[in-house]
Amino acid sequence: MVYKEFIKKIKEAINQKKYTLKEAAEYAKIDVSYLSKIISGKRNPPYEEETIKRIAKFLDIDEDELLFSAGRVPNKYLQNFSSKEILLCLKQYLFNKKFL
């Protein structure tokens, strides 16, 4: 699955803020080649929530929005919902963003 919205958000923020991929990768504590592959659609977004949060913080993107666009449900919401409810909400979010 290509995470188009995730990729778009990162690309736009990097260009808008005039950062390099290397700067973003260093802040997120990931390899620059890995970030490059994510942006080119060759790799999925990071699995770790903290990594995505670091990317969001560096690029001034809403953490929850970036997590959802990466197909992740923020941990702070997991304790409040059943797995079925989470999947339903995520599917609705993705459908609204035209990921499906």
PDB file of N, CA and C in Angstrom:
ATOM      1  N   MET A   1       0.840  -1.182   0.000  1.00  0.00           N
ATOM      2  CA  MET A   1       0.000   0.000   0.000  1.00  0.00           C
ATOM      3  C   MET A   1       0.886   1.247   0.000  1.00  0.00           C
ATOM      4  N   VAL A   2       0.610   2.161  -0.856  1.00  0.00           N
ATOM      5  CA  VAL A   2       1.341   3.421  -0.891  1.00  0.00           C
ATOM      6  C   VAL A   2       0.576   4.418  -0.023  1.00  0.00           C
ATOM      7  N   TYR A   3       1.288   5.031   0.859  1.00  0.00           N
ATOM      8  CA  TYR A   3       0.697   5.976   1.796  1.00  0.00           C
ATOM      9  C   TYR A   3       0.804   7.377   1.210  1.00  0.00           C
ATOM     10  N   LYS A   4      -0.041   7.656   0.242  1.00  0.00           N
ATOM     11  CA  LYS A   4       0.044   8.901  -0.526  1.00  0.00           C
ATOM     12  C   LYS A   4      -0.069  10.144   0.343  1.00  0.00           C
ATOM     13  N   GLU A   5      -1.002  10.156   1.270  1.00  0.00           N
ATOM     14  CA  GLU A   5      -1.199  11.338   2.108  1.00  0.00           C
ATOM     15  C   GLU A   5       0.003  11.552   3.032  1.00  0.00           C
ATOM     16  N   PHE A   6       0.538  10.474   3.579  1.00  0.00           N
ATOM     17  CA  PHE A   6       1.724  10.552   4.434  1.00  0.00           C
ATOM     18  C   PHE A   6       2.891  11.148   3.644  1.00  0.00           C
ATOM     19  N   ILE A   7       3.118  10.617   2.453  1.00  0.00           N
ATOM     20  CA  ILE A   7       4.201  11.078   1.590  1.00  0.00           C
ATOM     21  C   ILE A   7       3.997  12.548   1.223  1.00  0.00           C
ATOM     22  N   LYS A   8       2.780  12.894   0.854  1.00  0.00           N
ATOM     23  CA  LYS A   8       2.473  14.266   0.448  1.00  0.00           C
ATOM     24  C   LYS A   8       2.756  15.250   1.582  1.00  0.00           C
ATOM     25  N   LYS A   9       2.316  14.904   2.788  1.00  0.00           N
ATOM     26  CA  LYS A   9       2.509  15.790   3.938  1.00  0.00           C
ATOM     27  C   LYS A   9       3.995  16.024   4.199  1.00  0.00           C
ATOM     28  N   ILE A  10       4.778  14.975   4.146  1.00  0.00           N
ATOM     29  CA  ILE A  10       6.207  15.095   4.407  1.00  0.00           C
ATOM     30  C   ILE A  10       6.891  15.900   3.310  1.00  0.00           C
ATOM     31  N   LYS A  11       6.597  15.577   2.065  1.00  0.00           N
ATOM     32  CA  LYS A  11       7.213  16.298   0.946  1.00  0.00           C
ATOM     33  C   LYS A  11       6.897  17.794   1.014  1.00  0.00           C
ATOM     34  N   GLU A  12       5.637  18.115   1.216  1.00  0.00           N
ATOM     35  CA  GLU A  12       5.231  19.518   1.265  1.00  0.00           C
ATOM     36  C   GLU A  12       5.908  20.266   2.408  1.00  0.00           C
ATOM     37  N   ALA A  13       5.969  19.641   3.565  1.00  0.00           N
ATOM     38  CA  ALA A  13       6.578  20.300   4.727  1.00  0.00           C
ATOM     39  C   ALA A  13       8.077  20.495   4.522  1.00  0.00           C
ATOM     40  N   ILE A  14       8.751  19.508   3.978  1.00  0.00           N
ATOM     41  CA  ILE A  14      10.190  19.629   3.733  1.00  0.00           C
ATOM     42  C   ILE A  14      10.451  20.756   2.736  1.00  0.00           C
ATOM     43  N   ASN A  15       9.673  20.792   1.669  1.00  0.00           N
ATOM     44  CA  ASN A  15       9.854  21.847   0.661  1.00  0.00           C
ATOM     45  C   ASN A  15       9.508  23.221   1.218  1.00  0.00           C
ATOM     46  N   GLN A  16       8.418  23.292   1.948  1.00  0.00           N
ATOM     47  CA  GLN A  16       7.953  24.564   2.502  1.00  0.00           C
ATOM     48  C   GLN A  16       8.960  25.148   3.498  1.00  0.00           C
ATOM     49  N   LYS A  17       9.527  24.290   4.310  1.00  0.00           N
ATOM     50  CA  LYS A  17      10.465  24.747   5.333  1.00  0.00           C
ATOM     51  C   LYS A  17      11.902  24.782   4.821  1.00  0.00           C
ATOM     52  N   LYS A  18      12.090  24.320   3.592  1.00  0.00           N
ATOM     53  CA  LYS A  18      13.413  24.309   2.950  1.00  0.00           C
ATOM     54  C   LYS A  18      14.431  23.486   3.741  1.00  0.00           C
ATOM     55  N   TYR A  19      13.954  22.344   4.251  1.00  0.00           N
ATOM     56  CA  TYR A  19      14.837  21.401   4.927  1.00  0.00           C
ATOM     57  C   TYR A  19      15.358  20.403   3.908  1.00  0.00           C
ATOM     58  N   THR A  20      16.408  19.718   4.292  1.00  0.00           N
ATOM     59  CA  THR A  20      16.894  18.621   3.470  1.00  0.00           C
ATOM     60  C   THR A  20      16.359  17.316   4.053  1.00  0.00           C
ATOM     61  N   LEU A  21      16.377  16.270   3.238  1.00  0.00           N
ATOM     62  CA  LEU A  21      15.985  14.955   3.748  1.00  0.00           C
ATOM     63  C   LEU A  21      16.922  14.542   4.881  1.00  0.00           C
ATOM     64  N   LYS A  22      18.181  14.882   4.730  1.00  0.00           N
ATOM     65  CA  LYS A  22      19.162  14.519   5.755  1.00  0.00           C
ATOM     66  C   LYS A  22      18.809  15.156   7.101  1.00  0.00           C
ATOM     67  N   GLU A  23      18.423  16.423   7.089  1.00  0.00           N
ATOM     68  CA  GLU A  23      18.056  17.106   8.339  1.00  0.00           C
ATOM     69  C   GLU A  23      16.836  16.439   8.975  1.00  0.00           C
ATOM     70  N   ALA A  24      15.842  16.146   8.163  1.00  0.00           N
ATOM     71  CA  ALA A  24      14.627  15.503   8.687  1.00  0.00           C
ATOM     72  C   ALA A  24      14.937  14.111   9.226  1.00  0.00           C
ATOM     73  N   ALA A  25      15.745  13.361   8.500  1.00  0.00           N
ATOM     74  CA  ALA A  25      16.093  11.998   8.917  1.00  0.00           C
ATOM     75  C   ALA A  25      16.897  12.017  10.216  1.00  0.00           C
ATOM     76  N   GLU A  26      17.848  12.931  10.316  1.00  0.00           N
ATOM     77  CA  GLU A  26      18.657  13.017  11.536  1.00  0.00           C
ATOM     78  C   GLU A  26      17.795  13.342  12.747  1.00  0.00           C
ATOM     79  N   TYR A  27      16.856  14.276  12.595  1.00  0.00           N
ATOM     80  CA  TYR A  27      15.981  14.636  13.705  1.00  0.00           C
ATOM     81  C   TYR A  27      15.094  13.450  14.103  1.00  0.00           C
ATOM     82  N   ALA A  28      14.632  12.711  13.096  1.00  0.00           N
ATOM     83  CA  ALA A  28      13.752  11.571  13.358  1.00  0.00           C
ATOM     84  C   ALA A  28      14.518  10.331  13.801  1.00  0.00           C
ATOM     85  N   LYS A  29      15.849  10.420  13.744  1.00  0.00           N
ATOM     86  CA  LYS A  29      16.721   9.308  14.130  1.00  0.00           C
ATOM     87  C   LYS A  29      16.523   8.093  13.228  1.00  0.00           C
ATOM     88  N   ILE A  30      16.419   8.371  11.913  1.00  0.00           N
ATOM     89  CA  ILE A  30      16.342   7.298  10.925  1.00  0.00           C
ATOM     90  C   ILE A  30      17.368   7.590   9.835  1.00  0.00           C
ATOM     91  N   ASP A  31      17.683   6.575   9.068  1.00  0.00           N
ATOM     92  CA  ASP A  31      18.639   6.718   7.989  1.00  0.00           C
ATOM     93  C   ASP A  31      18.028   7.534   6.852  1.00  0.00           C
ATOM     94  N   VAL A  32      18.822   8.406   6.263  1.00  0.00           N
ATOM     95  CA  VAL A  32      18.328   9.263   5.181  1.00  0.00           C
ATOM     96  C   VAL A  32      17.874   8.430   3.984  1.00  0.00           C
ATOM     97  N   SER A  33      18.539   7.317   3.715  1.00  0.00           N
ATOM     98  CA  SER A  33      18.116   6.482   2.579  1.00  0.00           C
ATOM     99  C   SER A  33      16.754   5.843   2.852  1.00  0.00           C
ATOM    100  N   TYR A  34      16.474   5.521   4.107  1.00  0.00           N
ATOM    101  CA  TYR A  34      15.169   4.976   4.482  1.00  0.00           C
ATOM    102  C   TYR A  34      14.082   6.030   4.264  1.00  0.00           C
ATOM    103  N   LEU A  35      14.330   7.264   4.702  1.00  0.00           N
ATOM    104  CA  LEU A  35      13.355   8.345   4.511  1.00  0.00           C
ATOM    105  C   LEU A  35      13.138   8.588   3.020  1.00  0.00           C
ATOM    106  N   SER A  36      14.196   8.551   2.254  1.00  0.00           N
ATOM    107  CA  SER A  36      14.087   8.736   0.809  1.00  0.00           C
ATOM    108  C   SER A  36      13.212   7.655   0.170  1.00  0.00           C
ATOM    109  N   LYS A  37      13.380   6.423   0.626  1.00  0.00           N
ATOM    110  CA  LYS A  37      12.573   5.312   0.092  1.00  0.00           C
ATOM    111  C   LYS A  37      11.105   5.444   0.506  1.00  0.00           C
ATOM    112  N   ILE A  38      10.867   5.956   1.694  1.00  0.00           N
ATOM    113  CA  ILE A  38       9.484   6.191   2.139  1.00  0.00           C
ATOM    114  C   ILE A  38       8.833   7.215   1.213  1.00  0.00           C
ATOM    115  N   ILE A  39       9.526   8.317   0.978  1.00  0.00           N
ATOM    116  CA  ILE A  39       8.988   9.404   0.162  1.00  0.00           C
ATOM    117  C   ILE A  39       8.782   8.976  -1.286  1.00  0.00           C
ATOM    118  N   SER A  40       9.619   8.068  -1.761  1.00  0.00           N
ATOM    119  CA  SER A  40       9.461   7.589  -3.140  1.00  0.00           C
ATOM    120  C   SER A  40       8.441   6.458  -3.244  1.00  0.00           C
ATOM    121  N   GLY A  41       7.882   6.030  -2.104  1.00  0.00           N
ATOM    122  CA  GLY A  41       6.858   4.988  -2.113  1.00  0.00           C
ATOM    123  C   GLY A  41       7.419   3.579  -2.158  1.00  0.00           C
ATOM    124  N   LYS A  42       8.719   3.444  -1.949  1.00  0.00           N
ATOM    125  CA  LYS A  42       9.352   2.121  -1.991  1.00  0.00           C
ATOM    126  C   LYS A  42       9.350   1.424  -0.633  1.00  0.00           C
ATOM    127  N   ARG A  43       9.127   2.196   0.422  1.00  0.00           N
ATOM    128  CA  ARG A  43       9.054   1.640   1.777  1.00  0.00           C
ATOM    129  C   ARG A  43       7.838   2.212   2.482  1.00  0.00           C
ATOM    130  N   ASN A  44       7.317   1.461   3.417  1.00  0.00           N
ATOM    131  CA  ASN A  44       6.196   1.929   4.229  1.00  0.00           C
ATOM    132  C   ASN A  44       6.695   2.908   5.288  1.00  0.00           C
ATOM    133  N   PRO A  45       5.786   3.724   5.813  1.00  0.00           N
ATOM    134  CA  PRO A  45       6.165   4.627   6.912  1.00  0.00           C
ATOM    135  C   PRO A  45       6.708   3.822   8.089  1.00  0.00           C
ATOM    136  N   PRO A  46       7.471   4.467   8.951  1.00  0.00           N
ATOM    137  CA  PRO A  46       8.009   3.765  10.123  1.00  0.00           C
ATOM    138  C   PRO A  46       6.890   3.146  10.952  1.00  0.00           C
ATOM    139  N   TYR A  47       7.175   2.019  11.558  1.00  0.00           N
ATOM    140  CA  TYR A  47       6.188   1.351  12.400  1.00  0.00           C
ATOM    141  C   TYR A  47       6.084   2.043  13.762  1.00  0.00           C
ATOM    142  N   GLU A  48       7.211   2.522  14.265  1.00  0.00           N
ATOM    143  CA  GLU A  48       7.253   3.088  15.603  1.00  0.00           C
ATOM    144  C   GLU A  48       6.553   4.450  15.653  1.00  0.00           C
ATOM    145  N   GLU A  49       5.638   4.577  16.580  1.00  0.00           N
ATOM    146  CA  GLU A  49       4.895   5.823  16.745  1.00  0.00           C
ATOM    147  C   GLU A  49       5.825   6.980  17.066  1.00  0.00           C
ATOM    148  N   GLU A  50       6.817   6.744  17.895  1.00  0.00           N
ATOM    149  CA  GLU A  50       7.731   7.819  18.285  1.00  0.00           C
ATOM    150  C   GLU A  50       8.513   8.370  17.094  1.00  0.00           C
ATOM    151  N   THR A  51       8.860   7.517  16.151  1.00  0.00           N
ATOM    152  CA  THR A  51       9.581   7.973  14.959  1.00  0.00           C
ATOM    153  C   THR A  51       8.695   8.904  14.139  1.00  0.00           C
ATOM    154  N   ILE A  52       7.454   8.522  13.952  1.00  0.00           N
ATOM    155  CA  ILE A  52       6.518   9.354  13.192  1.00  0.00           C
ATOM    156  C   ILE A  52       6.275  10.672  13.931  1.00  0.00           C
ATOM    157  N   LYS A  53       6.189  10.612  15.250  1.00  0.00           N
ATOM    158  CA  LYS A  53       5.998  11.832  16.043  1.00  0.00           C
ATOM    159  C   LYS A  53       7.202  12.772  15.901  1.00  0.00           C
ATOM    160  N   ARG A  54       8.415  12.203  15.866  1.00  0.00           N
ATOM    161  CA  ARG A  54       9.598  13.049  15.694  1.00  0.00           C
ATOM    162  C   ARG A  54       9.584  13.724  14.324  1.00  0.00           C
ATOM    163  N   ILE A  55       9.191  12.991  13.304  1.00  0.00           N
ATOM    164  CA  ILE A  55       9.084  13.577  11.963  1.00  0.00           C
ATOM    165  C   ILE A  55       8.064  14.710  11.991  1.00  0.00           C
ATOM    166  N   ALA A  56       6.907  14.446  12.605  1.00  0.00           N
ATOM    167  CA  ALA A  56       5.841  15.454  12.681  1.00  0.00           C
ATOM    168  C   ALA A  56       6.315  16.702  13.426  1.00  0.00           C
ATOM    169  N   LYS A  57       6.993  16.505  14.535  1.00  0.00           N
ATOM    170  CA  LYS A  57       7.466  17.640  15.326  1.00  0.00           C
ATOM    171  C   LYS A  57       8.462  18.480  14.525  1.00  0.00           C
ATOM    172  N   PHE A  58       9.408  17.820  13.871  1.00  0.00           N
ATOM    173  CA  PHE A  58      10.427  18.533  13.109  1.00  0.00           C
ATOM    174  C   PHE A  58       9.810  19.326  11.961  1.00  0.00           C
ATOM    175  N   LEU A  59       8.803  18.731  11.319  1.00  0.00           N
ATOM    176  CA  LEU A  59       8.197  19.356  10.146  1.00  0.00           C
ATOM    177  C   LEU A  59       6.968  20.196  10.492  1.00  0.00           C
ATOM    178  N   ASP A  60       6.645  20.288  11.787  1.00  0.00           N
ATOM    179  CA  ASP A  60       5.492  21.064  12.248  1.00  0.00           C
ATOM    180  C   ASP A  60       4.183  20.579  11.620  1.00  0.00           C
ATOM    181  N   ILE A  61       3.995  19.256  11.689  1.00  0.00           N
ATOM    182  CA  ILE A  61       2.779  18.606  11.211  1.00  0.00           C
ATOM    183  C   ILE A  61       2.066  18.037  12.438  1.00  0.00           C
ATOM    184  N   ASP A  62       0.759  18.100  12.448  1.00  0.00           N
ATOM    185  CA  ASP A  62      -0.005  17.520  13.551  1.00  0.00           C
ATOM    186  C   ASP A  62       0.351  16.033  13.685  1.00  0.00           C
ATOM    187  N   GLU A  63       0.759  15.628  14.894  1.00  0.00           N
ATOM    188  CA  GLU A  63       1.192  14.245  15.124  1.00  0.00           C
ATOM    189  C   GLU A  63       0.120  13.223  14.791  1.00  0.00           C
ATOM    190  N   ASP A  64      -1.080  13.466  15.297  1.00  0.00           N
ATOM    191  CA  ASP A  64      -2.168  12.512  15.065  1.00  0.00           C
ATOM    192  C   ASP A  64      -2.471  12.378  13.578  1.00  0.00           C
ATOM    193  N   GLU A  65      -2.499  13.496  12.893  1.00  0.00           N
ATOM    194  CA  GLU A  65      -2.796  13.483  11.472  1.00  0.00           C
ATOM    195  C   GLU A  65      -1.735  12.691  10.698  1.00  0.00           C
ATOM    196  N   LEU A  66      -0.474  12.878  11.052  1.00  0.00           N
ATOM    197  CA  LEU A  66       0.589  12.148  10.365  1.00  0.00           C
ATOM    198  C   LEU A  66       0.529  10.661  10.704  1.00  0.00           C
ATOM    199  N   LEU A  67       0.218  10.347  11.952  1.00  0.00           N
ATOM    200  CA  LEU A  67       0.079   8.941  12.343  1.00  0.00           C
ATOM    201  C   LEU A  67      -1.068   8.267  11.586  1.00  0.00           C
ATOM    202  N   PHE A  68      -2.216   8.925  11.538  1.00  0.00           N
ATOM    203  CA  PHE A  68      -3.345   8.350  10.806  1.00  0.00           C
ATOM    204  C   PHE A  68      -3.018   8.184   9.327  1.00  0.00           C
ATOM    205  N   SER A  69      -2.327   9.166   8.746  1.00  0.00           N
ATOM    206  CA  SER A  69      -1.995   9.069   7.324  1.00  0.00           C
ATOM    207  C   SER A  69      -0.976   7.963   7.068  1.00  0.00           C
ATOM    208  N   ALA A  70      -0.275   7.532   8.122  1.00  0.00           N
ATOM    209  CA  ALA A  70       0.659   6.409   8.014  1.00  0.00           C
ATOM    210  C   ALA A  70      -0.034   5.080   8.307  1.00  0.00           C
ATOM    211  N   GLY A  71      -1.355   5.140   8.520  1.00  0.00           N
ATOM    212  CA  GLY A  71      -2.107   3.922   8.791  1.00  0.00           C
ATOM    213  C   GLY A  71      -2.009   3.459  10.229  1.00  0.00           C
ATOM    214  N   ARG A  72      -1.613   4.347  11.117  1.00  0.00           N
ATOM    215  CA  ARG A  72      -1.463   4.018  12.531  1.00  0.00           C
ATOM    216  C   ARG A  72      -2.523   4.749  13.357  1.00  0.00           C
ATOM    217  N   VAL A  73      -2.958   4.098  14.413  1.00  0.00           N
ATOM    218  CA  VAL A  73      -3.851   4.734  15.375  1.00  0.00           C
ATOM    219  C   VAL A  73      -2.978   5.152  16.555  1.00  0.00           C
ATOM    220  N   PRO A  74      -2.965   6.436  16.895  1.00  0.00           N
ATOM    221  CA  PRO A  74      -2.134   6.880  18.023  1.00  0.00           C
ATOM    222  C   PRO A  74      -2.451   6.093  19.285  1.00  0.00           C
ATOM    223  N   ASN A  75      -1.408   5.726  20.001  1.00  0.00           N
ATOM    224  CA  ASN A  75      -1.571   4.911  21.208  1.00  0.00           C
ATOM    225  C   ASN A  75      -2.527   5.533  22.218  1.00  0.00           C
ATOM    226  N   LYS A  76      -2.561   6.852  22.279  1.00  0.00           N
ATOM    227  CA  LYS A  76      -3.435   7.503  23.265  1.00  0.00           C
ATOM    228  C   LYS A  76      -4.912   7.201  23.015  1.00  0.00           C
ATOM    229  N   TYR A  77      -5.260   6.779  21.809  1.00  0.00           N
ATOM    230  CA  TYR A  77      -6.644   6.438  21.496  1.00  0.00           C
ATOM    231  C   TYR A  77      -6.940   4.958  21.675  1.00  0.00           C
ATOM    232  N   LEU A  78      -5.932   4.145  21.651  1.00  0.00           N
ATOM    233  CA  LEU A  78      -6.134   2.693  21.692  1.00  0.00           C
ATOM    234  C   LEU A  78      -6.835   2.224  22.954  1.00  0.00           C
ATOM    235  N   GLN A  79      -6.547   2.835  24.077  1.00  0.00           N
ATOM    236  CA  GLN A  79      -7.133   2.385  25.336  1.00  0.00           C
ATOM    237  C   GLN A  79      -8.622   2.710  25.441  1.00  0.00           C
ATOM    238  N   ASN A  80      -9.108   3.604  24.588  1.00  0.00           N
ATOM    239  CA  ASN A  80     -10.497   4.030  24.680  1.00  0.00           C
ATOM    240  C   ASN A  80     -11.452   3.272  23.769  1.00  0.00           C
ATOM    241  N   PHE A  81     -10.911   2.462  22.863  1.00  0.00           N
ATOM    242  CA  PHE A  81     -11.760   1.803  21.876  1.00  0.00           C
ATOM    243  C   PHE A  81     -11.417   0.325  21.745  1.00  0.00           C
ATOM    244  N   SER A  82     -12.394  -0.425  21.281  1.00  0.00           N
ATOM    245  CA  SER A  82     -12.141  -1.824  20.970  1.00  0.00           C
ATOM    246  C   SER A  82     -11.437  -1.896  19.619  1.00  0.00           C
ATOM    247  N   SER A  83     -10.847  -3.017  19.303  1.00  0.00           N
ATOM    248  CA  SER A  83     -10.165  -3.200  18.017  1.00  0.00           C
ATOM    249  C   SER A  83     -11.113  -2.973  16.851  1.00  0.00           C
ATOM    250  N   LYS A  84     -12.334  -3.444  16.985  1.00  0.00           N
ATOM    251  CA  LYS A  84     -13.312  -3.288  15.910  1.00  0.00           C
ATOM    252  C   LYS A  84     -13.627  -1.808  15.674  1.00  0.00           C
ATOM    253  N   GLU A  85     -13.795  -1.053  16.756  1.00  0.00           N
ATOM    254  CA  GLU A  85     -14.085   0.377  16.630  1.00  0.00           C
ATOM    255  C   GLU A  85     -12.911   1.127  16.004  1.00  0.00           C
ATOM    256  N   ILE A  86     -11.706   0.760  16.386  1.00  0.00           N
ATOM    257  CA  ILE A  86     -10.516   1.398  15.839  1.00  0.00           C
ATOM    258  C   ILE A  86     -10.423   1.132  14.341  1.00  0.00           C
ATOM    259  N   LEU A  87     -10.625  -0.102  13.945  1.00  0.00           N
ATOM    260  CA  LEU A  87     -10.560  -0.434  12.526  1.00  0.00           C
ATOM    261  C   LEU A  87     -11.622   0.312  11.732  1.00  0.00           C
ATOM    262  N   LEU A  88     -12.806   0.422  12.281  1.00  0.00           N
ATOM    263  CA  LEU A  88     -13.883   1.142  11.614  1.00  0.00           C
ATOM    264  C   LEU A  88     -13.525   2.620  11.441  1.00  0.00           C
ATOM    265  N   CYS A  89     -13.005   3.235  12.490  1.00  0.00           N
ATOM    266  CA  CYS A  89     -12.600   4.648  12.413  1.00  0.00           C
ATOM    267  C   CYS A  89     -11.469   4.842  11.418  1.00  0.00           C
ATOM    268  N   LEU A  90     -10.502   3.951  11.440  1.00  0.00           N
ATOM    269  CA  LEU A  90      -9.367   4.062  10.526  1.00  0.00           C
ATOM    270  C   LEU A  90      -9.816   3.885   9.086  1.00  0.00           C
ATOM    271  N   LYS A  91     -10.676   2.919   8.840  1.00  0.00           N
ATOM    272  CA  LYS A  91     -11.191   2.715   7.480  1.00  0.00           C
ATOM    273  C   LYS A  91     -11.948   3.949   6.999  1.00  0.00           C
ATOM    274  N   GLN A  92     -12.744   4.543   7.884  1.00  0.00           N
ATOM    275  CA  GLN A  92     -13.494   5.745   7.522  1.00  0.00           C
ATOM    276  C   GLN A  92     -12.542   6.892   7.203  1.00  0.00           C
ATOM    277  N   TYR A  93     -11.522   7.053   8.028  1.00  0.00           N
ATOM    278  CA  TYR A  93     -10.536   8.116   7.783  1.00  0.00           C
ATOM    279  C   TYR A  93      -9.842   7.895   6.442  1.00  0.00           C
ATOM    280  N   LEU A  94      -9.397   6.687   6.209  1.00  0.00           N
ATOM    281  CA  LEU A  94      -8.706   6.385   4.962  1.00  0.00           C
ATOM    282  C   LEU A  94      -9.627   6.550   3.760  1.00  0.00           C
ATOM    283  N   PHE A  95     -10.864   6.147   3.897  1.00  0.00           N
ATOM    284  CA  PHE A  95     -11.820   6.297   2.804  1.00  0.00           C
ATOM    285  C   PHE A  95     -12.019   7.784   2.480  1.00  0.00           C
ATOM    286  N   ASN A  96     -12.142   8.587   3.512  1.00  0.00           N
ATOM    287  CA  ASN A  96     -12.321  10.029   3.311  1.00  0.00           C
ATOM    288  C   ASN A  96     -11.107  10.646   2.656  1.00  0.00           C
ATOM    289  N   LYS A  97      -9.930  10.089   2.884  1.00  0.00           N
ATOM    290  CA  LYS A  97      -8.693  10.603   2.293  1.00  0.00           C
ATOM    291  C   LYS A  97      -8.397   9.925   0.956  1.00  0.00           C
ATOM    292  N   LYS A  98      -9.319   9.064   0.529  1.00  0.00           N
ATOM    293  CA  LYS A  98      -9.209   8.360  -0.758  1.00  0.00           C
ATOM    294  C   LYS A  98      -7.990   7.463  -0.831  1.00  0.00           C
ATOM    295  N   PHE A  99      -7.659   6.796   0.295  1.00  0.00           N
ATOM    296  CA  PHE A  99      -6.557   5.849   0.298  1.00  0.00           C
ATOM    297  C   PHE A  99      -7.021   4.485  -0.202  1.00  0.00           C
ATOM    298  N   LEU A 100      -8.293   4.180  -0.004  1.00  0.00           N
ATOM    299  CA  LEU A 100      -8.790   2.854  -0.370  1.00  0.00           C
ATOM    300  C   LEU A 100      -9.219   2.804  -1.806  1.00  0.00           C
TER     301      LEU A 100
END
